[in-house]
Structures are given as structure tokens and as C-alpha cells.
């Protein structure tokens, strides 16, 4: 049995986390709409999401490792079958293009809210960075975002913990405060919302996570990277959600509530955290851009660089739309499609396990 290298597990988990973070998480919009909006019940939603992220990440990345010797990543067809898998493969391209637009819009909103720069400045900066990263290739992309992920998680946890330490955490009347804040909700209750959050994220991440799993030195190492990544992302979500609950009346209608928390602690931390948010947006936008391009062109070719440039130009134009409205509309809708995908992954995994159990029983 090959030895599991902790450093590589952390890098794989970091890349997984970095993919998930994006503008919605880093700015706090996702946490606000998928968790905080449900008051105390949001804690249940966070725990459900933690389990599902760890299970799905570990499963897909270990299956990706198994494909190491194969010429292509089978992705959706592996879990959903020939026809539903083909439908998902094409739909996810459209969805990821929408995600890229949301990331670019989020970059514009971040620099605008923190530094007062015109919205288009942040969008142009991100589009250029994503293009450069795509040209560098997938291996460099994994190295870059694998290092960014843990840094973002640590600083996000720091802001959340300091906020809770300063304001205290009294949850007695928090449901009333949340109701008065009129925070948009992703679904009808906290449990469904927690499932939806995982579903829409995993829906878009299958191809990238399958490719990421191939960078493990063993199947177990890839699986551990996925499990640890799920625990990391939701631990940070848990802390930030508690900080939001403690400040529900103040942050309910803000575009970037995490930046507000950082500002309350220190103006310097606000600047640092605005950089963290931009890194979070970049860390999702880059693999999303790579996945969209990979569906049509092979990386490293002239055609791929031209295609990536055109994709950035179109995304840049659409990214001038309002950020908060994009998050609240596109994410929950796609989550319902993602639930079906999670079911397909569970069935696939059960089918894998059953033959092993039968063989053990006969022995």
C-alpha cells in the first residue's frame, strides 16, 4: 500500500476548497442566502452540507484517480449513464459559463465596494488573470489554487472568530433578527438549502474533481483530499454563519457581508480581506474557465488560446450585470439538477461496493 503524503492531501483539499469558494462564498452571499437566512436551523444545513461535500469529493476524486491510465475523463456518463450523462455534459457547459460570469461580476462588486473603483475595473482584472492561468495549463492551475485555498479558509475563519469574540453569540432571539433582515432564501427550509448548496457545487465540479483526483499518489490519497476539503470548507462556513447570525440586522442586505465584518474589526483587515475575496473569486473562475474550454478545445494549442480569449470577452460583457441577483437566481435553480446527480453518484458507489461485499460473504 502506497504511503499517504499529508502535504499532497492538503494540496488536493486546498484545490477542492479553492474551486468551491468563488465569489459567492468569499463575499458571504452564498452563506447568507443558503444558511443564515434560516436562523438557528442553519446549523443543521451546515452539518448536512459538510457530510455531503466530504462524501461527494472523496468519491469523485478517488474515481478520478482510477481513470489515471485512461485517455479521457468520463465524468457525468460514468455516474449517470449514456443519455442523462450526455445531457449533463452539455448543460454543465452553459451553467459553468454562467458561473464564470458571476465570478467576474463578483470581482467588479468587490473592488467597487472596497476601493470605490468602477465595476468594470475588477471584471477586466479577473478576466485577464483567468486567461493567463488557462494558458499556463492544468498542472500549474492545481499548484496555484491548491496553495490559495487553505490561506482563504484560515483568514475567513479568523474574521469569523474575531467577530464572534467581539459581538458575542446569543442565539436566543436570532430568528426574529433574521426575519426582520428580510434575507433572500435559497429554498423553503434549511435542510433542503444545505443539500442544494452541495448539489449545485458538485454539479459543476465533476470534471475538475475527476481531473484533480489524478494528481494523488494513491487512490486513498485522492479520497482523503476530497474528504478533508469538504470538512475544511464547511468548518469555515460554520464559523462565518455564526458571525452573520450575530450581526443579522446589519448585514442582511449587503452585497459583500464578509467585507463588512472585516471593516468592523480593522480598516487594514478590510483591505487584506478584499484581496482574500479576489483570490477566492480567482480560485473558482480559473478552474471553471478551464473546464468550459476543455469541453471544446485541447489545452496548449493556438485554437485553445483563441477560444479562451473569446470566452473571456463574452463573460466580461455579461459580468456587468448585478452580482447579488445573479447568485440568487442561477445557483438555487441548478441545485435541483445537482440533487439528481448526487443520487446517481450514490447509486454508482453502491454498485461498486456490492460486488466486494458478495465476494467477502462467499469467502
Protein backbone atom coordinates (compact mmCIF):
# COMPACT_ATOMS: atom_id res chain seq x y z
CA UNK A 1 0.00 0.00 0.00
CA UNK A 2 1.36 3.41 -1.01
CA UNK A 3 2.09 5.90 1.76
CA UNK A 4 -0.30 8.86 2.11
CA UNK A 5 1.59 12.17 1.98
CA UNK A 6 -0.12 14.77 4.15
CA UNK A 7 1.34 17.63 2.11
CA UNK A 8 -0.28 16.32 -1.08
CA UNK A 9 -3.59 15.65 0.71
CA UNK A 10 -3.60 19.29 1.86
CA UNK A 11 -2.78 20.48 -1.68
CA UNK A 12 -5.62 18.40 -3.16
CA UNK A 13 -8.02 19.56 -0.43
CA UNK A 14 -6.86 23.13 -0.99
CA UNK A 15 -7.59 22.91 -4.72
CA UNK A 16 -11.04 21.42 -3.98
CA UNK A 17 -11.78 24.19 -1.47
CA UNK A 18 -10.44 26.87 -3.81
CA UNK A 19 -12.78 25.65 -6.56
CA UNK A 20 -15.77 25.81 -4.20
CA UNK A 21 -15.01 29.18 -2.62
CA UNK A 22 -15.64 31.56 -5.52
CA UNK A 23 -17.29 34.96 -5.26
CA UNK A 24 -20.48 33.66 -3.64
CA UNK A 25 -18.66 32.13 -0.66
CA UNK A 26 -15.86 34.69 -0.27
CA UNK A 27 -18.24 37.65 -0.32
CA UNK A 28 -20.66 35.87 2.03
CA UNK A 29 -23.63 35.96 -0.36
CA UNK A 30 -23.92 32.16 -0.55
CA UNK A 31 -23.61 31.70 3.22
CA UNK A 32 -26.21 34.41 3.75
CA UNK A 33 -28.82 33.01 1.33
CA UNK A 34 -28.22 29.26 1.80
CA UNK A 35 -27.71 29.23 5.60
CA UNK A 36 -28.04 32.43 7.66
CA UNK A 37 -31.50 33.21 6.22
CA UNK A 38 -32.90 30.23 8.20
CA UNK A 39 -31.75 31.40 11.62
CA UNK A 40 -30.78 28.72 14.14
CA UNK A 41 -31.90 25.96 11.74
CA UNK A 42 -28.96 26.96 9.51
CA UNK A 43 -26.63 24.95 11.78
CA UNK A 44 -28.38 21.76 10.61
CA UNK A 45 -27.95 22.84 6.99
CA UNK A 46 -24.20 23.39 7.50
CA UNK A 47 -23.70 19.93 9.05
CA UNK A 48 -25.62 18.22 6.22
CA UNK A 49 -23.51 20.10 3.66
CA UNK A 50 -20.28 19.11 5.42
CA UNK A 51 -21.15 15.41 5.21
CA UNK A 52 -22.24 15.61 1.56
CA UNK A 53 -19.22 17.68 0.42
CA UNK A 54 -16.82 15.21 2.08
CA UNK A 55 -18.58 12.15 0.69
CA UNK A 56 -19.00 13.51 -2.85
CA UNK A 57 -15.48 14.98 -3.01
CA UNK A 58 -13.88 11.78 -1.74
CA UNK A 59 -15.91 9.61 -4.13
CA UNK A 60 -15.33 11.65 -7.29
CA UNK A 61 -11.62 12.28 -6.66
CA UNK A 62 -10.96 8.60 -5.92
CA UNK A 63 -12.82 7.62 -9.10
CA UNK A 64 -10.74 10.23 -10.94
CA UNK A 65 -7.59 8.51 -9.67
CA UNK A 66 -8.89 5.23 -11.09
CA UNK A 67 -9.04 6.91 -14.53
CA UNK A 68 -5.36 7.87 -14.37
CA UNK A 69 -4.35 5.40 -17.08
CA UNK A 70 -7.29 6.21 -19.36
CA UNK A 71 -7.16 8.74 -22.21
CA UNK A 72 -10.21 10.74 -21.16
CA UNK A 73 -12.23 11.65 -18.08
CA UNK A 74 -15.68 10.04 -18.27
CA UNK A 75 -17.32 12.42 -15.77
CA UNK A 76 -21.09 12.55 -15.92
CA UNK A 77 -21.56 9.47 -18.15
CA UNK A 78 -19.73 7.35 -15.56
CA UNK A 79 -22.31 8.18 -12.88
CA UNK A 80 -25.49 8.98 -14.84
CA UNK A 81 -25.34 6.67 -17.85
CA UNK A 82 -25.03 7.41 -21.56
CA UNK A 83 -28.08 9.63 -22.16
CA UNK A 84 -28.53 11.56 -18.89
CA UNK A 85 -24.74 11.89 -18.70
CA UNK A 86 -24.59 13.39 -22.20
CA UNK A 87 -27.37 15.84 -21.27
CA UNK A 88 -25.46 16.89 -18.16
CA UNK A 89 -22.21 17.28 -20.09
CA UNK A 90 -23.75 19.88 -22.36
CA UNK A 91 -25.89 21.61 -19.77
CA UNK A 92 -22.97 21.99 -17.37
CA UNK A 93 -21.03 23.93 -20.02
CA UNK A 94 -23.83 26.51 -20.12
CA UNK A 95 -24.02 26.56 -16.31
CA UNK A 96 -20.27 26.97 -15.91
CA UNK A 97 -20.31 29.82 -18.41
CA UNK A 98 -22.91 31.45 -16.11
CA UNK A 99 -20.67 30.76 -13.07
CA UNK A 100 -17.76 32.45 -14.84
CA UNK A 101 -19.97 35.50 -15.44
CA UNK A 102 -20.93 35.52 -11.72
CA UNK A 103 -17.26 35.35 -10.70
CA UNK A 104 -16.38 38.26 -12.99
CA UNK A 105 -19.34 40.29 -11.72
CA UNK A 106 -18.29 39.50 -8.12
CA UNK A 107 -14.78 40.80 -8.79
CA UNK A 108 -16.25 44.08 -10.02
CA UNK A 109 -18.54 44.35 -6.96
CA UNK A 110 -15.64 43.65 -4.55
CA UNK A 111 -13.28 46.34 -5.85
CA UNK A 112 -16.18 48.77 -6.16
CA UNK A 113 -17.36 48.28 -2.56
CA UNK A 114 -13.90 48.28 -1.00
CA UNK A 115 -11.95 50.82 -3.07
CA UNK A 116 -14.70 52.71 -4.91
CA UNK A 117 -13.31 51.64 -8.29
CA UNK A 118 -15.71 51.42 -11.25
CA UNK A 119 -17.36 47.99 -11.55
CA UNK A 120 -15.68 47.26 -14.88
CA UNK A 121 -12.14 47.55 -13.41
CA UNK A 122 -12.48 44.42 -11.26
CA UNK A 123 -14.14 42.50 -14.08
CA UNK A 124 -11.30 43.27 -16.51
CA UNK A 125 -8.59 42.37 -13.96
CA UNK A 126 -10.16 38.97 -13.24
CA UNK A 127 -10.78 38.15 -16.91
CA UNK A 128 -7.09 38.77 -17.71
CA UNK A 129 -5.87 36.67 -14.74
CA UNK A 130 -8.15 33.75 -15.66
CA UNK A 131 -6.93 33.83 -19.25
CA UNK A 132 -3.25 33.82 -18.21
CA UNK A 133 -3.83 30.89 -15.83
CA UNK A 134 -5.56 28.87 -18.54
CA UNK A 135 -2.62 29.38 -20.88
CA UNK A 136 -0.25 28.07 -18.16
CA UNK A 137 -2.12 24.71 -18.10
CA UNK A 138 -3.94 22.46 -15.60
CA UNK A 139 -0.88 21.34 -13.60
CA UNK A 140 0.11 24.92 -12.79
CA UNK A 141 -3.54 25.73 -12.08
CA UNK A 142 -3.73 22.94 -9.43
CA UNK A 143 -0.48 24.17 -7.82
CA UNK A 144 -1.68 27.79 -7.70
CA UNK A 145 -5.20 27.29 -6.36
CA UNK A 146 -4.08 24.42 -4.09
CA UNK A 147 -1.96 26.97 -2.22
CA UNK A 148 -4.65 29.69 -2.27
CA UNK A 149 -7.46 27.54 -0.79
CA UNK A 150 -6.06 26.98 2.74
CA UNK A 151 -4.97 30.65 3.02
CA UNK A 152 -8.51 31.84 2.27
CA UNK A 153 -10.02 29.39 4.75
CA UNK A 154 -7.65 30.48 7.55
CA UNK A 155 -8.30 34.21 7.02
CA UNK A 156 -12.07 33.65 6.70
CA UNK A 157 -12.06 31.67 9.96
CA UNK A 158 -10.05 34.46 11.59
CA UNK A 159 -12.57 37.15 10.62
CA UNK A 160 -15.48 34.98 11.77
CA UNK A 161 -13.92 34.08 15.12
CA UNK A 162 -12.84 37.65 15.91
CA UNK A 163 -16.35 38.90 15.07
CA UNK A 164 -17.96 36.33 17.37
CA UNK A 165 -15.44 37.21 20.12
CA UNK A 166 -16.22 40.94 19.80
CA UNK A 167 -20.01 40.83 19.44
CA UNK A 168 -20.75 37.69 21.43
CA UNK A 169 -23.02 34.87 20.33
CA UNK A 170 -26.51 34.96 21.82
CA UNK A 171 -28.85 32.91 19.62
CA UNK A 172 -31.99 33.34 21.73
CA UNK A 173 -33.72 35.96 19.53
CA UNK A 174 -31.68 35.39 16.38
CA UNK A 175 -34.65 34.01 14.38
CA UNK A 176 -36.50 37.30 14.94
CA UNK A 177 -33.48 39.34 13.84
CA UNK A 178 -33.05 37.21 10.73
CA UNK A 179 -36.75 37.55 9.84
CA UNK A 180 -36.55 41.35 10.22
CA UNK A 181 -33.47 41.44 7.96
CA UNK A 182 -35.51 40.02 5.02
CA UNK A 183 -32.58 37.96 3.74
CA UNK A 184 -33.38 36.15 0.45
CA UNK A 185 -33.73 32.37 0.90
CA UNK A 186 -32.40 29.73 -1.50
CA UNK A 187 -35.24 27.29 -0.71
CA UNK A 188 -38.17 26.60 1.62
CA UNK A 189 -36.13 25.24 4.58
CA UNK A 190 -32.59 24.87 5.94
CA UNK A 191 -32.24 21.12 5.21
CA UNK A 192 -33.14 21.45 1.52
CA UNK A 193 -30.95 24.53 1.26
CA UNK A 194 -27.96 22.63 2.71
CA UNK A 195 -28.47 19.85 0.14
CA UNK A 196 -28.92 22.36 -2.70
CA UNK A 197 -25.68 24.14 -1.85
CA UNK A 198 -23.70 20.92 -2.23
CA UNK A 199 -25.71 19.81 -5.26
CA UNK A 200 -25.09 22.88 -7.41
CA UNK A 201 -21.40 23.00 -6.46
CA UNK A 202 -20.76 19.32 -7.18
CA UNK A 203 -22.84 19.54 -10.36
CA UNK A 204 -20.34 21.98 -11.80
CA UNK A 205 -17.25 20.36 -10.26
CA UNK A 206 -17.37 16.76 -11.52
CA UNK A 207 -14.95 17.19 -14.45
CA UNK A 208 -12.46 19.27 -12.47
CA UNK A 209 -12.56 16.98 -9.40
CA UNK A 210 -12.08 13.92 -11.61
CA UNK A 211 -9.01 15.57 -13.15
CA UNK A 212 -7.82 16.69 -9.70
CA UNK A 213 -8.04 13.14 -8.34
CA UNK A 214 -5.41 12.05 -10.87
CA UNK A 215 -2.80 14.13 -9.04
CA UNK A 216 -2.98 11.86 -5.98
CA UNK A 217 -0.12 9.39 -5.42
CA UNK A 218 -2.69 6.73 -4.48
CA UNK A 219 -6.46 6.21 -4.56
CA UNK A 220 -6.60 6.70 -0.77
CA UNK A 221 -4.67 9.97 -1.02
CA UNK A 222 -7.11 11.37 -3.58
CA UNK A 223 -10.06 10.22 -1.47
CA UNK A 224 -8.61 11.84 1.67
CA UNK A 225 -8.08 15.10 -0.26
CA UNK A 226 -11.79 15.16 -1.13
CA UNK A 227 -12.94 14.32 2.41
CA UNK A 228 -10.61 16.85 4.05
CA UNK A 229 -11.64 19.53 1.54
CA UNK A 230 -15.31 19.07 2.45
CA UNK A 231 -14.55 19.40 6.16
CA UNK A 232 -12.40 22.50 5.60
CA UNK A 233 -14.89 24.46 3.51
CA UNK A 234 -17.82 23.78 5.81
CA UNK A 235 -15.86 24.47 9.01
CA UNK A 236 -15.22 27.97 7.70
CA UNK A 237 -18.88 28.24 6.63
CA UNK A 238 -19.99 27.19 10.13
CA UNK A 239 -17.97 29.94 11.82
CA UNK A 240 -18.90 32.69 9.32
CA UNK A 241 -22.57 31.70 9.53
CA UNK A 242 -22.47 32.14 13.33
CA UNK A 243 -20.85 35.57 12.86
CA UNK A 244 -23.61 36.50 10.39
CA UNK A 245 -26.32 35.32 12.79
CA UNK A 246 -24.83 37.57 15.48
CA UNK A 247 -24.98 40.55 13.07
CA UNK A 248 -28.09 39.66 11.03
CA UNK A 249 -29.73 43.09 11.24
CA UNK A 250 -26.60 44.84 9.93
CA UNK A 251 -25.53 42.55 7.08
CA UNK A 252 -28.85 41.25 5.69
CA UNK A 253 -28.98 43.46 2.59
CA UNK A 254 -25.26 43.96 1.90
CA UNK A 255 -23.64 42.72 -1.34
CA UNK A 256 -20.44 41.71 0.46
CA UNK A 257 -21.26 40.97 4.14
CA UNK A 258 -17.86 39.37 4.90
CA UNK A 259 -16.16 42.63 3.95
CA UNK A 260 -18.42 44.46 6.43
CA UNK A 261 -17.27 42.12 9.23
CA UNK A 262 -13.61 42.73 8.34
CA UNK A 263 -14.23 46.51 8.28
CA UNK A 264 -15.73 46.38 11.79
CA UNK A 265 -12.55 44.75 13.08
CA UNK A 266 -9.94 46.94 11.33
CA UNK A 267 -9.59 49.09 8.17
CA UNK A 268 -6.35 47.24 7.45
CA UNK A 269 -8.09 43.88 7.72
CA UNK A 270 -10.76 45.17 5.35
CA UNK A 271 -8.09 45.77 2.69
CA UNK A 272 -6.48 42.39 3.37
CA UNK A 273 -9.84 40.64 3.18
CA UNK A 274 -10.75 42.38 -0.07
CA UNK A 275 -7.62 40.74 -1.52
CA UNK A 276 -8.75 37.41 0.00
CA UNK A 277 -12.14 37.77 -1.70
CA UNK A 278 -10.47 38.48 -5.04
CA UNK A 279 -8.26 35.39 -4.56
CA UNK A 280 -11.37 33.35 -3.76
CA UNK A 281 -13.09 34.57 -6.89
CA UNK A 282 -10.00 33.87 -8.98
CA UNK A 283 -9.60 30.37 -7.49
CA UNK A 284 -13.04 29.36 -8.77
CA UNK A 285 -13.08 31.35 -12.00
CA UNK A 286 -9.83 29.76 -13.23
CA UNK A 287 -10.85 26.06 -13.00
CA UNK A 288 -14.34 26.95 -14.26
CA UNK A 289 -12.80 28.67 -17.29
CA UNK A 290 -10.50 25.65 -17.82
CA UNK A 291 -13.47 23.22 -17.66
CA UNK A 292 -15.50 25.18 -20.23
CA UNK A 293 -12.55 25.43 -22.61
CA UNK A 294 -11.67 21.75 -22.11
CA UNK A 295 -15.11 20.76 -23.42
CA UNK A 296 -14.32 22.27 -26.82
CA UNK A 297 -10.55 22.52 -27.29
CA UNK A 298 -7.36 20.80 -26.12
CA UNK A 299 -5.19 22.98 -23.86
CA UNK A 300 -1.80 24.11 -25.12
CA UNK A 301 -2.92 24.71 -28.71
CA UNK A 302 -3.33 28.00 -30.60
CA UNK A 303 -7.02 27.20 -31.05
CA UNK A 304 -7.44 26.82 -27.26
CA UNK A 305 -5.87 30.22 -26.58
CA UNK A 306 -8.13 31.92 -29.13
CA UNK A 307 -11.21 30.15 -27.74
CA UNK A 308 -10.28 31.15 -24.16
CA UNK A 309 -9.84 34.78 -25.23
CA UNK A 310 -13.30 34.83 -26.85
CA UNK A 311 -14.83 33.23 -23.74
CA UNK A 312 -13.29 35.92 -21.53
CA UNK A 313 -14.60 38.72 -23.77
CA UNK A 314 -18.18 37.38 -23.72
CA UNK A 315 -18.04 36.73 -19.94
CA UNK A 316 -16.66 40.22 -19.38
CA UNK A 317 -19.59 41.79 -21.24
CA UNK A 318 -22.19 39.76 -19.30
CA UNK A 319 -20.36 40.28 -15.99
CA UNK A 320 -21.55 43.88 -15.80
CA UNK A 321 -24.93 42.58 -14.50
CA UNK A 322 -25.81 42.97 -10.75
CA UNK A 323 -23.92 40.41 -8.65
CA UNK A 324 -26.44 39.63 -5.88
CA UNK A 325 -29.29 38.98 -8.33
CA UNK A 326 -27.14 36.57 -10.36
CA UNK A 327 -26.32 34.50 -7.23
CA UNK A 328 -29.93 34.31 -6.04
CA UNK A 329 -31.32 33.24 -9.43
CA UNK A 330 -28.82 30.88 -11.07
CA UNK A 331 -27.45 28.90 -8.09
CA UNK A 332 -30.64 27.52 -6.44
CA UNK A 333 -32.21 26.57 -9.80
CA UNK A 334 -29.20 24.48 -10.82
CA UNK A 335 -29.07 22.90 -7.36
CA UNK A 336 -32.16 20.81 -8.12
CA UNK A 337 -30.40 19.27 -11.13
CA UNK A 338 -27.42 18.63 -8.90
CA UNK A 339 -29.54 16.61 -6.44
CA UNK A 340 -30.27 14.08 -9.19
CA UNK A 341 -26.52 13.90 -9.88
CA UNK A 342 -25.79 13.18 -6.18
CA UNK A 343 -28.33 10.35 -6.30
CA UNK A 344 -26.63 8.94 -9.41
CA UNK A 345 -23.22 9.09 -7.68
CA UNK A 346 -24.65 7.29 -4.62
CA UNK A 347 -26.15 4.52 -6.80
CA UNK A 348 -22.86 4.16 -8.69
CA UNK A 349 -20.93 3.86 -5.42
CA UNK A 350 -23.38 1.27 -4.02
CA UNK A 351 -22.98 -0.81 -7.19
CA UNK A 352 -19.20 -0.66 -6.71
CA UNK A 353 -19.41 -1.80 -3.09
CA UNK A 354 -21.96 -4.62 -3.51
CA UNK A 355 -19.72 -6.99 -5.54
CA UNK A 356 -16.98 -6.59 -2.91
CA UNK A 357 -19.44 -7.43 -0.12
CA UNK A 358 -20.69 -10.51 -2.03
CA UNK A 359 -17.13 -11.77 -2.58
CA UNK A 360 -16.31 -11.33 1.12
CA UNK A 361 -19.51 -13.21 2.07
CA UNK A 362 -18.63 -16.20 -0.18
CA UNK A 363 -15.15 -16.37 1.27
